[in-house]
């Protein structure tokens, strides 16, 4: 198990908390300060990106990256950006939604069946989302994802009655998760991400949703015995920078950076998917059991109905009816074009 975990922990965009560490930008004309929860141990890809930017912009632009949550959690990062202490950050959907609530539409529970559907719908919505971020003073430097999120628990959750008896984690005031829990009739415990492991130890919570890689990287897996067979949702991610900082860069260098980031994030996305696949095997090796669910059962039907209620409950709060209909039409479009598109499950 240990050597598998060690290999996983060096993949980009993992989450842990470590001492301050960043590559010095060395006298570049413009230095963009970027924060991330990703550990320094995962920095190989990022350091390559930093080097390419400095070289190809002729030392006009350099990135100073603060790893390992040293600038705080995502709420702290966003606050520092707004106070001009940072130029940008790598955010999950949680942080992105604080800037543009509509971006959370592709993180709705039980919306996507597989990665093909995720990629297709997000690509279709990308230009619209880019415009919304620009309207709020931010530039999306690159879109990514953290992978599919699964439910982890200490007991096998095979019915809604059992689910309601558990102490579920809610990431702070996450509106999507809260709406879903409301639809299920569950009262979650609101905590920051940094408080989860301690709260699992003290039994304040005993159930949480996270990617397989996140469960390994944060060592949450040591407090669980079971995980769901089917993913709950797919977690989006992106690197953003303020428009004000971006406009300091020459048009020629901006074009170069966009191309480098496009390639960088494409590689990182594939790395995430591979890391999550490896993590599932690592979790099984660590003794985590997969809870099997019959999708035709009344329990599964109840959960899927709750996901529909969640979509409706967020109309007018996070997104418009028009945007929801648009996302669902793109999803249906993909499924029509790919009749073999099926629901992912852990074998």
Protein backbone atom coordinates (compact mmCIF):
# COMPACT_ATOMS: atom_id res chain seq x y z
CA UNK A 1 0.00 0.00 0.00
CA UNK A 2 2.69 2.51 0.97
CA UNK A 3 4.52 2.47 -2.36
CA UNK A 4 1.24 2.95 -4.23
CA UNK A 5 0.33 5.93 -2.06
CA UNK A 6 3.79 7.44 -2.51
CA UNK A 7 3.45 7.24 -6.29
CA UNK A 8 0.01 8.85 -6.17
CA UNK A 9 1.10 11.73 -3.94
CA UNK A 10 3.43 13.17 -6.59
CA UNK A 11 0.60 13.70 -9.10
CA UNK A 12 -0.30 17.34 -9.75
CA UNK A 13 -3.21 19.01 -7.93
CA UNK A 14 -3.31 16.75 -4.96
CA UNK A 15 -4.29 18.34 -1.67
CA UNK A 16 -2.17 18.46 1.47
CA UNK A 17 -0.62 20.96 3.80
CA UNK A 18 3.11 21.51 3.88
CA UNK A 19 5.67 24.27 4.59
CA UNK A 20 6.06 27.25 2.29
CA UNK A 21 7.80 26.35 -0.93
CA UNK A 22 7.97 28.06 -4.32
CA UNK A 23 10.32 28.52 -7.26
CA UNK A 24 11.91 31.98 -7.34
CA UNK A 25 10.95 33.87 -10.53
CA UNK A 26 14.36 35.55 -10.90
CA UNK A 27 13.88 39.17 -11.93
CA UNK A 28 11.10 38.79 -14.47
CA UNK A 29 9.41 42.04 -15.53
CA UNK A 30 5.99 40.83 -14.30
CA UNK A 31 5.60 38.35 -11.46
CA UNK A 32 2.21 36.72 -10.97
CA UNK A 33 1.67 35.34 -7.47
CA UNK A 34 -0.48 32.20 -7.59
CA UNK A 35 -1.67 30.07 -4.64
CA UNK A 36 -2.71 26.42 -4.66
CA UNK A 37 -3.65 23.69 -2.21
CA UNK A 38 -1.47 21.31 -4.22
CA UNK A 39 1.64 20.12 -2.34
CA UNK A 40 5.17 21.04 -3.33
CA UNK A 41 5.72 17.30 -3.85
CA UNK A 42 3.36 17.53 -6.82
CA UNK A 43 5.17 20.47 -8.40
CA UNK A 44 7.14 18.83 -11.25
CA UNK A 45 4.53 19.69 -13.86
CA UNK A 46 4.00 23.19 -12.47
CA UNK A 47 7.70 23.92 -12.39
CA UNK A 48 7.97 22.88 -16.03
CA UNK A 49 5.10 25.24 -16.82
CA UNK A 50 6.83 28.09 -14.93
CA UNK A 51 10.08 27.49 -16.83
CA UNK A 52 8.35 27.47 -20.23
CA UNK A 53 6.53 30.72 -19.48
CA UNK A 54 9.75 32.52 -18.47
CA UNK A 55 11.65 31.21 -21.48
CA UNK A 56 9.01 31.76 -24.14
CA UNK A 57 8.00 35.24 -22.94
CA UNK A 58 11.63 36.33 -22.89
CA UNK A 59 11.54 36.73 -19.10
CA UNK A 60 8.66 39.19 -19.32
CA UNK A 61 6.41 36.98 -17.15
CA UNK A 62 7.13 34.61 -14.28
CA UNK A 63 4.88 32.80 -11.83
CA UNK A 64 5.59 32.65 -8.12
CA UNK A 65 3.61 29.68 -6.82
CA UNK A 66 2.65 29.19 -3.18
CA UNK A 67 2.03 25.49 -2.60
CA UNK A 68 0.40 23.38 0.07
CA UNK A 69 -2.30 25.76 1.29
CA UNK A 70 0.33 28.10 2.76
CA UNK A 71 -1.90 31.03 1.74
CA UNK A 72 -4.86 29.40 3.48
CA UNK A 73 -7.89 27.55 2.16
CA UNK A 74 -9.78 28.64 -0.94
CA UNK A 75 -11.82 31.30 0.89
CA UNK A 76 -8.56 32.78 2.24
CA UNK A 77 -7.00 32.75 -1.23
CA UNK A 78 -9.95 34.55 -2.76
CA UNK A 79 -9.90 37.17 -0.04
CA UNK A 80 -6.17 37.78 -0.63
CA UNK A 81 -6.78 38.09 -4.36
CA UNK A 82 -9.42 40.74 -3.73
CA UNK A 83 -7.01 42.60 -1.45
CA UNK A 84 -4.33 42.40 -4.19
CA UNK A 85 -2.02 40.20 -2.10
CA UNK A 86 -2.28 37.46 -4.73
CA UNK A 87 -2.84 37.66 -8.49
CA UNK A 88 -4.67 34.38 -8.79
CA UNK A 89 -5.07 30.80 -7.64
CA UNK A 90 -5.86 27.24 -8.64
CA UNK A 91 -9.40 26.65 -7.37
CA UNK A 92 -11.77 23.73 -7.10
CA UNK A 93 -15.46 24.27 -7.86
CA UNK A 94 -15.91 25.40 -4.26
CA UNK A 95 -13.71 28.46 -4.79
CA UNK A 96 -14.75 29.06 -8.40
CA UNK A 97 -18.39 29.16 -7.33
CA UNK A 98 -17.63 32.06 -4.98
CA UNK A 99 -16.68 34.09 -8.07
CA UNK A 100 -19.21 32.74 -10.58
CA UNK A 101 -21.98 30.64 -8.99
CA UNK A 102 -23.12 29.39 -12.41
CA UNK A 103 -19.90 27.37 -12.83
CA UNK A 104 -21.26 24.85 -10.32
CA UNK A 105 -23.87 23.65 -12.82
CA UNK A 106 -21.55 20.86 -13.99
CA UNK A 107 -21.00 19.73 -10.39
CA UNK A 108 -24.64 18.81 -9.85
CA UNK A 109 -25.01 15.38 -8.19
CA UNK A 110 -25.60 12.40 -10.45
CA UNK A 111 -25.58 14.56 -13.58
CA UNK A 112 -22.78 12.81 -15.48
CA UNK A 113 -22.26 9.11 -16.07
CA UNK A 114 -18.64 9.19 -17.27
CA UNK A 115 -15.66 11.34 -18.31
CA UNK A 116 -16.81 11.57 -21.93
CA UNK A 117 -19.99 13.33 -20.86
CA UNK A 118 -18.10 15.63 -18.48
CA UNK A 119 -15.64 16.75 -21.16
CA UNK A 120 -18.31 17.30 -23.81
CA UNK A 121 -20.70 19.41 -21.73
CA UNK A 122 -17.98 21.49 -20.05
CA UNK A 123 -16.38 22.23 -23.42
CA UNK A 124 -19.73 23.38 -24.78
CA UNK A 125 -20.24 25.71 -21.81
CA UNK A 126 -16.63 26.90 -21.63
CA UNK A 127 -16.90 30.14 -23.64
CA UNK A 128 -19.99 31.16 -21.67
CA UNK A 129 -18.22 30.49 -18.35
CA UNK A 130 -15.12 32.38 -19.51
CA UNK A 131 -17.31 35.42 -20.23
CA UNK A 132 -18.95 35.23 -16.80
CA UNK A 133 -15.55 35.18 -15.07
CA UNK A 134 -14.34 38.12 -17.18
CA UNK A 135 -17.49 40.02 -16.25
CA UNK A 136 -16.49 39.54 -12.60
CA UNK A 137 -12.90 40.66 -13.15
CA UNK A 138 -11.15 37.31 -13.62
CA UNK A 139 -9.45 35.47 -16.47
CA UNK A 140 -9.58 31.68 -16.63
CA UNK A 141 -6.05 30.62 -17.47
CA UNK A 142 -6.89 26.96 -17.73
CA UNK A 143 -9.78 24.58 -16.98
CA UNK A 144 -9.23 21.23 -15.34
CA UNK A 145 -10.92 18.71 -13.11
CA UNK A 146 -10.21 16.82 -9.91
CA UNK A 147 -12.19 13.74 -10.95
CA UNK A 148 -15.30 11.96 -9.76
CA UNK A 149 -16.31 12.21 -6.10
CA UNK A 150 -17.49 9.14 -4.17
CA UNK A 151 -19.15 8.77 -0.77
CA UNK A 152 -16.96 7.29 1.98
CA UNK A 153 -18.40 5.93 5.21
CA UNK A 154 -17.76 3.75 8.27
CA UNK A 155 -20.81 1.55 7.65
CA UNK A 156 -22.28 0.27 4.37
CA UNK A 157 -24.93 2.75 3.27
CA UNK A 158 -27.55 0.60 1.55
CA UNK A 159 -30.70 2.63 2.25
CA UNK A 160 -31.83 6.19 2.78
CA UNK A 161 -32.70 5.28 6.38
CA UNK A 162 -29.09 4.30 7.06
CA UNK A 163 -27.86 7.40 5.22
CA UNK A 164 -29.94 9.68 7.43
CA UNK A 165 -28.39 8.20 10.56
CA UNK A 166 -24.88 9.20 9.45
CA UNK A 167 -23.02 12.42 10.24
CA UNK A 168 -22.24 13.83 6.79
CA UNK A 169 -19.60 16.44 6.05
CA UNK A 170 -20.57 19.66 4.25
CA UNK A 171 -17.72 21.82 2.93
CA UNK A 172 -18.46 25.12 4.69
CA UNK A 173 -21.56 26.67 3.11
CA UNK A 174 -21.47 24.73 -0.18
CA UNK A 175 -24.86 25.48 -1.81
CA UNK A 176 -24.91 22.49 -4.18
CA UNK A 177 -24.18 19.91 -1.49
CA UNK A 178 -26.59 21.61 0.93
CA UNK A 179 -29.42 21.51 -1.63
CA UNK A 180 -28.75 17.82 -2.26
CA UNK A 181 -28.72 16.97 1.45
CA UNK A 182 -31.97 18.92 1.85
CA UNK A 183 -33.52 16.82 -0.91
CA UNK A 184 -32.39 13.65 0.88
CA UNK A 185 -33.64 14.80 4.27
CA UNK A 186 -30.09 14.83 5.72
CA UNK A 187 -28.68 17.47 8.08
CA UNK A 188 -24.92 17.70 7.40
CA UNK A 189 -22.13 19.10 9.58
CA UNK A 190 -20.52 22.22 8.07
CA UNK A 191 -16.70 22.21 8.31
CA UNK A 192 -13.70 23.57 6.43
CA UNK A 193 -11.71 21.03 4.45
CA UNK A 194 -8.81 21.33 6.92
CA UNK A 195 -11.03 20.24 9.83
CA UNK A 196 -12.31 17.00 8.28
CA UNK A 197 -9.63 14.55 9.43
CA UNK A 198 -9.75 15.80 13.02
CA UNK A 199 -13.54 15.65 12.96
CA UNK A 200 -13.43 12.07 11.70
CA UNK A 201 -11.13 11.21 14.61
CA UNK A 202 -13.45 12.84 17.15
CA UNK A 203 -16.55 11.35 15.46
CA UNK A 204 -18.10 14.72 14.81
CA UNK A 205 -18.63 13.32 11.30
CA UNK A 206 -18.39 9.78 9.93
CA UNK A 207 -19.27 10.18 6.24
CA UNK A 208 -17.81 12.38 3.50
CA UNK A 209 -17.58 12.81 -0.23
CA UNK A 210 -14.20 13.11 -1.94
CA UNK A 211 -12.25 11.83 -4.96
CA UNK A 212 -10.38 8.53 -4.47
CA UNK A 213 -7.08 10.39 -4.86
CA UNK A 214 -8.15 12.99 -2.32
CA UNK A 215 -9.08 10.24 0.15
CA UNK A 216 -5.56 8.84 -0.17
CA UNK A 217 -3.65 12.15 -0.28
CA UNK A 218 -5.44 13.50 2.79
CA UNK A 219 -5.31 10.10 4.52
CA UNK A 220 -9.05 10.19 5.09
CA UNK A 221 -9.17 6.58 3.90
CA UNK A 222 -7.68 5.52 7.26
CA UNK A 223 -10.96 6.56 8.93
CA UNK A 224 -13.33 4.80 6.53
CA UNK A 225 -14.30 1.22 5.72
CA UNK A 226 -16.64 1.68 2.76
CA UNK A 227 -17.03 3.70 -0.43
CA UNK A 228 -19.88 3.99 -2.93
CA UNK A 229 -19.92 1.98 -6.13
CA UNK A 230 -21.08 4.90 -8.26
CA UNK A 231 -19.67 8.45 -8.27
CA UNK A 232 -21.77 11.28 -6.87
CA UNK A 233 -20.42 14.13 -9.01
CA UNK A 234 -17.42 15.32 -10.99
CA UNK A 235 -15.29 18.05 -9.41
CA UNK A 236 -14.25 20.95 -11.64
CA UNK A 237 -11.03 22.95 -11.24
CA UNK A 238 -9.40 25.96 -12.87
CA UNK A 239 -6.52 28.39 -12.56
CA UNK A 240 -7.68 32.01 -12.45
CA UNK A 241 -5.92 35.36 -12.45
CA UNK A 242 -7.38 38.83 -12.03
CA UNK A 243 -8.08 40.75 -15.21
CA UNK A 244 -6.09 43.67 -13.82
CA UNK A 245 -2.97 41.49 -13.42
CA UNK A 246 -3.50 39.82 -16.80
CA UNK A 247 -3.72 43.14 -18.64
CA UNK A 248 -0.25 44.11 -17.42
CA UNK A 249 1.14 41.40 -19.74
CA UNK A 250 1.80 42.17 -23.41
CA UNK A 251 -0.66 40.64 -25.93
CA UNK A 252 2.09 38.51 -27.46
CA UNK A 253 3.06 37.01 -24.09
CA UNK A 254 -0.58 36.42 -23.16
CA UNK A 255 -1.02 34.35 -26.30
CA UNK A 256 2.08 32.30 -25.45
CA UNK A 257 0.92 31.70 -21.87
CA UNK A 258 -2.57 30.61 -22.96
CA UNK A 259 -1.06 27.99 -25.29
CA UNK A 260 1.34 26.69 -22.63
CA UNK A 261 -1.47 26.47 -20.07
CA UNK A 262 -3.78 24.69 -22.53
CA UNK A 263 -1.20 21.94 -22.96
CA UNK A 264 -0.34 21.92 -19.25
CA UNK A 265 -3.92 21.49 -18.08
CA UNK A 266 -4.64 18.82 -20.66
CA UNK A 267 -1.75 16.78 -19.29
CA UNK A 268 -2.82 17.49 -15.70
CA UNK A 269 -6.38 16.34 -16.43
CA UNK A 270 -5.15 13.00 -17.72
CA UNK A 271 -2.87 12.72 -14.68
CA UNK A 272 -5.85 13.25 -12.38
CA UNK A 273 -7.84 10.51 -14.02
CA UNK A 274 -4.92 8.12 -13.80
CA UNK A 275 -4.29 9.09 -10.17
CA UNK A 276 -7.92 8.42 -9.27
CA UNK A 277 -7.84 5.02 -10.99
CA UNK A 278 -4.66 4.10 -9.12
CA UNK A 279 -6.17 5.39 -5.88
CA UNK A 280 -9.22 3.14 -6.21
CA UNK A 281 -6.92 0.14 -6.36
CA UNK A 282 -4.90 1.51 -3.43
CA UNK A 283 -8.09 1.96 -1.39
CA UNK A 284 -9.16 -1.61 -2.10
CA UNK A 285 -5.72 -2.84 -1.04
CA UNK A 286 -6.11 -0.85 2.18
CA UNK A 287 -9.30 -2.75 2.97
CA UNK A 288 -11.94 -0.30 1.75
CA UNK A 289 -15.03 -2.23 0.60
CA UNK A 290 -17.25 -1.10 -2.26
CA UNK A 291 -20.96 -0.89 -1.44
CA UNK A 292 -22.91 -2.41 -4.34
CA UNK A 293 -26.21 -0.80 -5.35
CA UNK A 294 -28.94 -2.05 -7.68
CA UNK A 295 -29.81 0.94 -9.87
CA UNK A 296 -33.35 -0.42 -10.23
CA UNK A 297 -33.93 -0.46 -6.48
CA UNK A 298 -36.22 2.00 -4.69
CA UNK A 299 -33.19 3.37 -2.80
CA UNK A 300 -31.39 4.24 -6.03
CA UNK A 301 -34.57 5.76 -7.44
CA UNK A 302 -34.95 7.91 -4.33
CA UNK A 303 -31.41 9.28 -4.68
CA UNK A 304 -31.87 10.02 -8.39
CA UNK A 305 -35.15 11.79 -7.65
CA UNK A 306 -33.32 13.85 -5.01
CA UNK A 307 -30.74 14.86 -7.61
CA UNK A 308 -33.56 16.10 -9.85
CA UNK A 309 -35.01 18.10 -6.95
CA UNK A 310 -31.56 19.59 -6.31
CA UNK A 311 -31.29 20.83 -9.89
CA UNK A 312 -34.66 22.51 -9.62
CA UNK A 313 -33.99 23.97 -6.16
CA UNK A 314 -30.91 25.82 -7.43
CA UNK A 315 -32.65 27.48 -10.40
CA UNK A 316 -32.69 31.20 -9.72
CA UNK A 317 -30.11 30.80 -6.94
CA UNK A 318 -26.96 29.54 -8.67
CA UNK A 319 -28.04 29.53 -12.31
CA UNK A 320 -30.92 30.35 -14.63
CA UNK A 321 -33.48 27.94 -16.04
CA UNK A 322 -32.02 28.69 -19.45
CA UNK A 323 -28.52 27.62 -18.40
CA UNK A 324 -29.80 24.40 -16.81
CA UNK A 325 -31.80 23.53 -19.92
CA UNK A 326 -28.76 24.27 -22.06
CA UNK A 327 -26.49 21.99 -20.00
CA UNK A 328 -29.05 19.18 -20.04
CA UNK A 329 -29.53 19.53 -23.80
CA UNK A 330 -25.76 19.22 -24.36
CA UNK A 331 -25.75 16.12 -22.17
CA UNK A 332 -28.61 14.59 -24.16
CA UNK A 333 -26.81 15.54 -27.37
CA UNK A 334 -23.72 13.60 -26.25
CA UNK A 335 -25.75 10.54 -25.24
CA UNK A 336 -27.55 10.54 -28.59
CA UNK A 337 -24.22 10.66 -30.39
CA UNK A 338 -22.77 7.98 -28.08
CA UNK A 339 -25.48 5.36 -27.46
CA UNK A 340 -22.85 3.23 -25.70
CA UNK A 341 -22.33 5.88 -23.00
CA UNK A 342 -22.80 4.04 -19.70
CA UNK A 343 -22.59 4.76 -15.98
CA UNK A 344 -19.12 4.43 -14.46
CA UNK A 345 -18.86 2.09 -11.53
CA UNK A 346 -16.08 0.60 -9.48
CA UNK A 347 -15.50 -3.01 -10.49
